[in-house]
Amino acid sequence: MRVALVVDDNDLSQALLKRILEGLDLSVVVTSNAHDGIRLAREVNPAIIFMDVHLPGAGLDGLAATRALKDDPSTQQIPVVVMTAGACPDESAGCKESRGDAFFRKPFSVQSLIQCIQALT
C-alpha cells in the first residue's frame, strides 16, 4: 500500500487529511514537527508529503523542511504539498522557493486537494 506522510501540528488538520488520504487508499503516517517529518520521509519513502508551514520546534519550519527534502537525493522525487492557515501572501512565494510541488491555504477545497493528490501521485 502507498503511504502518505502528514507533517502538521494541528489535530484537526491531521484528522481531516488522514480521512481524505485513507479514502484514496493511502496509508497515513503523521508527525507534528519538521525534524521527525524529514526522518520519516527517509524511512518510509512516502508517495506524497503534506507539510504545514508553521511547525513547533527551533530552527526548522515546514518551508525549511521542504527545502531539505528537495535537496536530498533520496527524497527529492517525493511530491510535497505545502499547507498553511496563515494569511501572509509571502508564504506562497516561500512555497515556490522551498520547491514544494503544490500550495494550499487552509481551509481548502477537499475536491481541489483530491485532484492535486491524483495529479501528483
N, C-alpha and C. Protein backbone atom coordinates (compact mmCIF):
# COMPACT_ATOMS: atom_id res chain seq x y z
N MET A 1 0.85 -1.19 0.00
CA MET A 1 0.00 0.00 0.00
C MET A 1 0.89 1.24 0.00
N ARG A 2 0.48 2.25 -0.76
CA ARG A 2 1.20 3.52 -0.80
C ARG A 2 0.99 4.29 0.50
N VAL A 3 2.00 5.06 0.86
CA VAL A 3 1.99 5.80 2.12
C VAL A 3 1.98 7.29 1.84
N ALA A 4 1.22 8.03 2.65
CA ALA A 4 1.25 9.48 2.66
C ALA A 4 1.78 9.93 4.02
N LEU A 5 2.63 10.94 4.02
CA LEU A 5 3.17 11.49 5.25
C LEU A 5 2.54 12.86 5.49
N VAL A 6 1.96 13.04 6.67
CA VAL A 6 1.37 14.32 7.07
C VAL A 6 2.23 14.91 8.17
N VAL A 7 2.77 16.10 7.93
CA VAL A 7 3.58 16.81 8.92
C VAL A 7 2.80 18.07 9.28
N ASP A 8 2.07 18.00 10.39
CA ASP A 8 1.19 19.10 10.80
C ASP A 8 0.96 18.99 12.30
N ASP A 9 1.02 20.11 13.00
CA ASP A 9 0.86 20.08 14.45
C ASP A 9 -0.58 20.32 14.90
N ASN A 10 -1.50 20.49 13.96
CA ASN A 10 -2.90 20.73 14.30
C ASN A 10 -3.67 19.41 14.22
N ASP A 11 -4.28 19.01 15.33
CA ASP A 11 -5.00 17.73 15.38
C ASP A 11 -6.15 17.66 14.37
N LEU A 12 -6.87 18.76 14.19
CA LEU A 12 -7.98 18.76 13.24
C LEU A 12 -7.49 18.60 11.80
N SER A 13 -6.41 19.29 11.46
CA SER A 13 -5.84 19.15 10.12
C SER A 13 -5.35 17.73 9.90
N GLN A 14 -4.69 17.16 10.91
CA GLN A 14 -4.22 15.78 10.79
C GLN A 14 -5.39 14.83 10.54
N ALA A 15 -6.46 14.98 11.31
CA ALA A 15 -7.62 14.09 11.18
C ALA A 15 -8.29 14.24 9.81
N LEU A 16 -8.44 15.48 9.34
CA LEU A 16 -9.07 15.70 8.05
C LEU A 16 -8.23 15.11 6.92
N LEU A 17 -6.93 15.38 6.94
CA LEU A 17 -6.06 14.84 5.89
C LEU A 17 -6.04 13.31 5.94
N LYS A 18 -5.99 12.76 7.13
CA LYS A 18 -5.98 11.30 7.27
C LYS A 18 -7.24 10.70 6.65
N ARG A 19 -8.38 11.30 6.92
CA ARG A 19 -9.65 10.78 6.38
C ARG A 19 -9.66 10.86 4.84
N ILE A 20 -9.22 11.99 4.30
CA ILE A 20 -9.17 12.15 2.84
C ILE A 20 -8.22 11.13 2.22
N LEU A 21 -7.03 11.02 2.78
CA LEU A 21 -5.99 10.15 2.21
C LEU A 21 -6.36 8.68 2.31
N GLU A 22 -6.93 8.28 3.43
CA GLU A 22 -7.34 6.88 3.57
C GLU A 22 -8.46 6.56 2.58
N GLY A 23 -9.31 7.54 2.27
CA GLY A 23 -10.35 7.37 1.26
C GLY A 23 -9.79 7.17 -0.14
N LEU A 24 -8.52 7.55 -0.33
CA LEU A 24 -7.84 7.37 -1.61
C LEU A 24 -6.89 6.16 -1.57
N ASP A 25 -7.12 5.27 -0.60
CA ASP A 25 -6.32 4.05 -0.43
C ASP A 25 -4.85 4.33 -0.14
N LEU A 26 -4.59 5.35 0.64
CA LEU A 26 -3.24 5.63 1.09
C LEU A 26 -3.15 5.34 2.58
N SER A 27 -2.10 4.68 2.99
CA SER A 27 -1.81 4.52 4.41
C SER A 27 -1.20 5.84 4.88
N VAL A 28 -1.51 6.27 6.10
CA VAL A 28 -1.09 7.59 6.55
C VAL A 28 -0.19 7.50 7.77
N VAL A 29 0.95 8.20 7.69
CA VAL A 29 1.87 8.36 8.80
C VAL A 29 1.83 9.84 9.17
N VAL A 30 1.70 10.13 10.47
CA VAL A 30 1.54 11.51 10.92
C VAL A 30 2.62 11.87 11.93
N THR A 31 3.14 13.09 11.82
CA THR A 31 4.02 13.65 12.82
C THR A 31 3.72 15.14 12.94
N SER A 32 4.17 15.74 14.03
CA SER A 32 3.82 17.14 14.27
C SER A 32 5.02 18.08 14.23
N ASN A 33 6.20 17.59 13.82
CA ASN A 33 7.33 18.51 13.72
C ASN A 33 8.21 18.19 12.51
N ALA A 34 8.94 19.20 12.08
CA ALA A 34 9.72 19.11 10.84
C ALA A 34 10.85 18.09 10.93
N HIS A 35 11.53 18.03 12.07
CA HIS A 35 12.64 17.09 12.20
C HIS A 35 12.17 15.65 12.01
N ASP A 36 11.07 15.29 12.67
CA ASP A 36 10.52 13.94 12.50
C ASP A 36 9.98 13.74 11.08
N GLY A 37 9.45 14.80 10.49
CA GLY A 37 8.96 14.70 9.11
C GLY A 37 10.06 14.31 8.14
N ILE A 38 11.21 14.95 8.28
CA ILE A 38 12.35 14.63 7.41
C ILE A 38 12.81 13.20 7.65
N ARG A 39 12.92 12.82 8.93
CA ARG A 39 13.36 11.46 9.27
C ARG A 39 12.38 10.42 8.71
N LEU A 40 11.09 10.65 8.90
CA LEU A 40 10.09 9.69 8.42
C LEU A 40 10.06 9.62 6.89
N ALA A 41 10.26 10.75 6.23
CA ALA A 41 10.29 10.74 4.76
C ALA A 41 11.40 9.83 4.26
N ARG A 42 12.52 9.85 4.93
CA ARG A 42 13.65 9.00 4.54
C ARG A 42 13.38 7.53 4.88
N GLU A 43 12.67 7.29 5.97
CA GLU A 43 12.41 5.92 6.40
C GLU A 43 11.30 5.22 5.62
N VAL A 44 10.19 5.91 5.37
CA VAL A 44 9.02 5.24 4.77
C VAL A 44 8.86 5.51 3.28
N ASN A 45 9.65 6.45 2.72
CA ASN A 45 9.57 6.78 1.30
C ASN A 45 8.12 6.93 0.84
N PRO A 46 7.42 7.94 1.35
CA PRO A 46 6.00 8.10 1.03
C PRO A 46 5.77 8.48 -0.43
N ALA A 47 4.56 8.23 -0.88
CA ALA A 47 4.15 8.61 -2.24
C ALA A 47 3.93 10.11 -2.32
N ILE A 48 3.58 10.74 -1.18
CA ILE A 48 3.31 12.18 -1.13
C ILE A 48 3.47 12.65 0.32
N ILE A 49 3.86 13.92 0.47
CA ILE A 49 4.04 14.52 1.80
C ILE A 49 3.18 15.79 1.87
N PHE A 50 2.50 15.97 2.99
CA PHE A 50 1.76 17.20 3.28
C PHE A 50 2.49 17.91 4.40
N MET A 51 3.01 19.10 4.10
CA MET A 51 3.88 19.82 5.03
C MET A 51 3.24 21.14 5.43
N ASP A 52 2.92 21.28 6.71
CA ASP A 52 2.42 22.55 7.23
C ASP A 52 3.59 23.53 7.29
N VAL A 53 3.33 24.80 7.04
CA VAL A 53 4.39 25.82 7.07
C VAL A 53 4.83 26.08 8.51
N HIS A 54 3.88 26.27 9.40
CA HIS A 54 4.18 26.66 10.78
C HIS A 54 4.19 25.44 11.67
N LEU A 55 5.39 25.03 12.08
CA LEU A 55 5.55 23.84 12.92
C LEU A 55 6.33 24.20 14.17
N PRO A 56 6.08 23.49 15.27
CA PRO A 56 6.81 23.78 16.51
C PRO A 56 8.26 23.30 16.43
N GLY A 57 9.06 23.84 17.29
CA GLY A 57 10.46 23.42 17.35
C GLY A 57 11.37 24.52 16.85
N ALA A 58 12.58 24.46 17.32
CA ALA A 58 13.54 25.51 16.99
C ALA A 58 14.22 25.26 15.66
N GLY A 59 14.28 26.31 14.86
CA GLY A 59 15.15 26.31 13.70
C GLY A 59 14.66 25.63 12.44
N LEU A 60 13.50 25.00 12.46
CA LEU A 60 13.08 24.29 11.24
C LEU A 60 11.57 24.37 11.09
N ASP A 61 11.11 25.20 10.15
CA ASP A 61 9.69 25.25 9.85
C ASP A 61 9.41 24.36 8.64
N GLY A 62 8.18 24.37 8.18
CA GLY A 62 7.80 23.50 7.07
C GLY A 62 8.47 23.86 5.76
N LEU A 63 8.73 25.15 5.53
CA LEU A 63 9.41 25.55 4.29
C LEU A 63 10.86 25.08 4.29
N ALA A 64 11.54 25.23 5.43
CA ALA A 64 12.92 24.76 5.53
C ALA A 64 12.98 23.24 5.40
N ALA A 65 12.01 22.55 6.00
CA ALA A 65 11.97 21.09 5.89
C ALA A 65 11.74 20.65 4.45
N THR A 66 10.87 21.38 3.74
CA THR A 66 10.62 21.06 2.33
C THR A 66 11.89 21.25 1.51
N ARG A 67 12.60 22.34 1.75
CA ARG A 67 13.88 22.57 1.05
C ARG A 67 14.86 21.45 1.34
N ALA A 68 14.93 21.03 2.61
CA ALA A 68 15.84 19.94 2.97
C ALA A 68 15.49 18.65 2.23
N LEU A 69 14.20 18.36 2.13
CA LEU A 69 13.76 17.15 1.41
C LEU A 69 14.07 17.25 -0.08
N LYS A 70 13.89 18.43 -0.66
CA LYS A 70 14.14 18.61 -2.09
C LYS A 70 15.64 18.66 -2.40
N ASP A 71 16.48 18.95 -1.40
CA ASP A 71 17.93 18.94 -1.58
C ASP A 71 18.54 17.55 -1.40
N ASP A 72 17.79 16.64 -0.82
CA ASP A 72 18.28 15.29 -0.52
C ASP A 72 17.94 14.36 -1.69
N PRO A 73 18.95 13.78 -2.33
CA PRO A 73 18.68 12.88 -3.47
C PRO A 73 17.75 11.71 -3.13
N SER A 74 17.72 11.30 -1.87
CA SER A 74 16.87 10.15 -1.51
C SER A 74 15.39 10.54 -1.36
N THR A 75 15.09 11.84 -1.25
CA THR A 75 13.70 12.26 -1.06
C THR A 75 13.24 13.32 -2.06
N GLN A 76 14.12 13.80 -2.91
CA GLN A 76 13.77 14.94 -3.78
C GLN A 76 12.67 14.64 -4.78
N GLN A 77 12.44 13.36 -5.09
CA GLN A 77 11.40 13.00 -6.06
C GLN A 77 10.01 12.91 -5.43
N ILE A 78 9.92 12.94 -4.11
CA ILE A 78 8.64 12.83 -3.43
C ILE A 78 7.88 14.16 -3.54
N PRO A 79 6.65 14.13 -4.05
CA PRO A 79 5.87 15.38 -4.12
C PRO A 79 5.55 15.89 -2.71
N VAL A 80 5.72 17.20 -2.53
CA VAL A 80 5.43 17.84 -1.25
C VAL A 80 4.35 18.90 -1.47
N VAL A 81 3.25 18.75 -0.74
CA VAL A 81 2.16 19.73 -0.76
C VAL A 81 2.33 20.59 0.49
N VAL A 82 2.65 21.86 0.29
CA VAL A 82 2.86 22.79 1.40
C VAL A 82 1.51 23.42 1.74
N MET A 83 1.21 23.47 3.05
CA MET A 83 -0.09 23.96 3.51
C MET A 83 0.11 24.97 4.63
N THR A 84 -0.81 25.95 4.68
CA THR A 84 -0.75 26.93 5.76
C THR A 84 -2.13 27.48 6.07
N ALA A 85 -2.33 27.84 7.32
CA ALA A 85 -3.53 28.55 7.73
C ALA A 85 -3.23 30.05 7.82
N GLY A 86 -1.98 30.41 7.59
CA GLY A 86 -1.56 31.80 7.68
C GLY A 86 -2.15 32.65 6.56
N ALA A 87 -2.23 33.93 6.80
CA ALA A 87 -2.81 34.85 5.83
C ALA A 87 -1.74 35.65 5.09
N CYS A 88 -0.48 35.37 5.33
CA CYS A 88 0.59 36.13 4.74
C CYS A 88 0.81 35.76 3.27
N PRO A 89 0.70 36.72 2.35
CA PRO A 89 0.90 36.40 0.94
C PRO A 89 2.31 35.93 0.63
N ASP A 90 3.29 36.28 1.46
CA ASP A 90 4.66 35.85 1.23
C ASP A 90 4.83 34.34 1.36
N GLU A 91 3.88 33.67 2.02
CA GLU A 91 4.01 32.23 2.19
C GLU A 91 3.92 31.48 0.87
N SER A 92 3.11 31.95 -0.07
CA SER A 92 3.05 31.28 -1.37
C SER A 92 4.37 31.45 -2.11
N ALA A 93 5.02 32.59 -1.96
CA ALA A 93 6.34 32.79 -2.54
C ALA A 93 7.35 31.89 -1.85
N GLY A 94 7.23 31.74 -0.55
CA GLY A 94 8.10 30.84 0.20
C GLY A 94 7.95 29.41 -0.24
N CYS A 95 6.74 29.02 -0.59
CA CYS A 95 6.48 27.67 -1.10
C CYS A 95 7.27 27.45 -2.39
N LYS A 96 7.24 28.42 -3.29
CA LYS A 96 7.99 28.28 -4.54
C LYS A 96 9.48 28.18 -4.27
N GLU A 97 9.98 28.99 -3.35
CA GLU A 97 11.40 28.95 -3.00
C GLU A 97 11.79 27.64 -2.37
N SER A 98 10.88 27.02 -1.65
CA SER A 98 11.17 25.75 -0.99
C SER A 98 11.11 24.58 -1.97
N ARG A 99 10.60 24.85 -3.17
CA ARG A 99 10.44 23.86 -4.23
C ARG A 99 9.33 22.85 -3.93
N GLY A 100 8.33 23.29 -3.15
CA GLY A 100 7.14 22.47 -2.94
C GLY A 100 6.43 22.27 -4.26
N ASP A 101 5.73 21.16 -4.39
CA ASP A 101 5.06 20.83 -5.65
C ASP A 101 3.66 21.43 -5.76
N ALA A 102 3.07 21.80 -4.63
CA ALA A 102 1.75 22.43 -4.62
C ALA A 102 1.63 23.22 -3.32
N PHE A 103 0.70 24.19 -3.31
CA PHE A 103 0.49 25.05 -2.15
C PHE A 103 -1.00 25.18 -1.91
N PHE A 104 -1.41 24.93 -0.67
CA PHE A 104 -2.82 25.08 -0.29
C PHE A 104 -2.91 25.93 0.95
N ARG A 105 -3.86 26.86 0.94
CA ARG A 105 -4.18 27.66 2.11
C ARG A 105 -5.35 26.99 2.83
N LYS A 106 -5.25 26.85 4.14
CA LYS A 106 -6.33 26.25 4.94
C LYS A 106 -7.32 27.35 5.30
N PRO A 107 -8.59 27.12 5.27
CA PRO A 107 -9.24 25.88 4.83
C PRO A 107 -9.16 25.74 3.31
N PHE A 108 -9.16 24.52 2.86
CA PHE A 108 -9.00 24.24 1.45
C PHE A 108 -10.22 23.48 0.93
N SER A 109 -10.38 23.48 -0.37
CA SER A 109 -11.43 22.69 -1.02
C SER A 109 -10.98 21.24 -1.05
N VAL A 110 -11.77 20.36 -0.49
CA VAL A 110 -11.42 18.93 -0.48
C VAL A 110 -11.30 18.41 -1.90
N GLN A 111 -12.20 18.82 -2.78
CA GLN A 111 -12.14 18.36 -4.17
C GLN A 111 -10.86 18.82 -4.86
N SER A 112 -10.45 20.06 -4.62
CA SER A 112 -9.20 20.56 -5.21
C SER A 112 -8.00 19.79 -4.68
N LEU A 113 -8.03 19.49 -3.38
CA LEU A 113 -6.94 18.71 -2.80
C LEU A 113 -6.88 17.31 -3.40
N ILE A 114 -8.03 16.67 -3.54
CA ILE A 114 -8.07 15.32 -4.13
C ILE A 114 -7.53 15.36 -5.56
N GLN A 115 -7.92 16.35 -6.32
CA GLN A 115 -7.39 16.47 -7.70
C GLN A 115 -5.88 16.66 -7.69
N CYS A 116 -5.37 17.43 -6.77
CA CYS A 116 -3.94 17.64 -6.64
C CYS A 116 -3.23 16.34 -6.31
N ILE A 117 -3.76 15.60 -5.34
CA ILE A 117 -3.18 14.31 -4.95
C ILE A 117 -3.14 13.37 -6.15
N GLN A 118 -4.23 13.28 -6.85
CA GLN A 118 -4.30 12.39 -8.02
C GLN A 118 -3.29 12.80 -9.09
N ALA A 119 -3.09 14.10 -9.27
CA ALA A 119 -2.14 14.57 -10.27
C ALA A 119 -0.69 14.31 -9.85
N LEU A 120 -0.41 14.40 -8.56
CA LEU A 120 0.97 14.25 -8.08
C LEU A 120 1.38 12.80 -7.82
N THR A 121 0.40 11.94 -7.62
CA THR A 121 0.76 10.54 -7.33
C THR A 121 0.34 9.71 -8.50
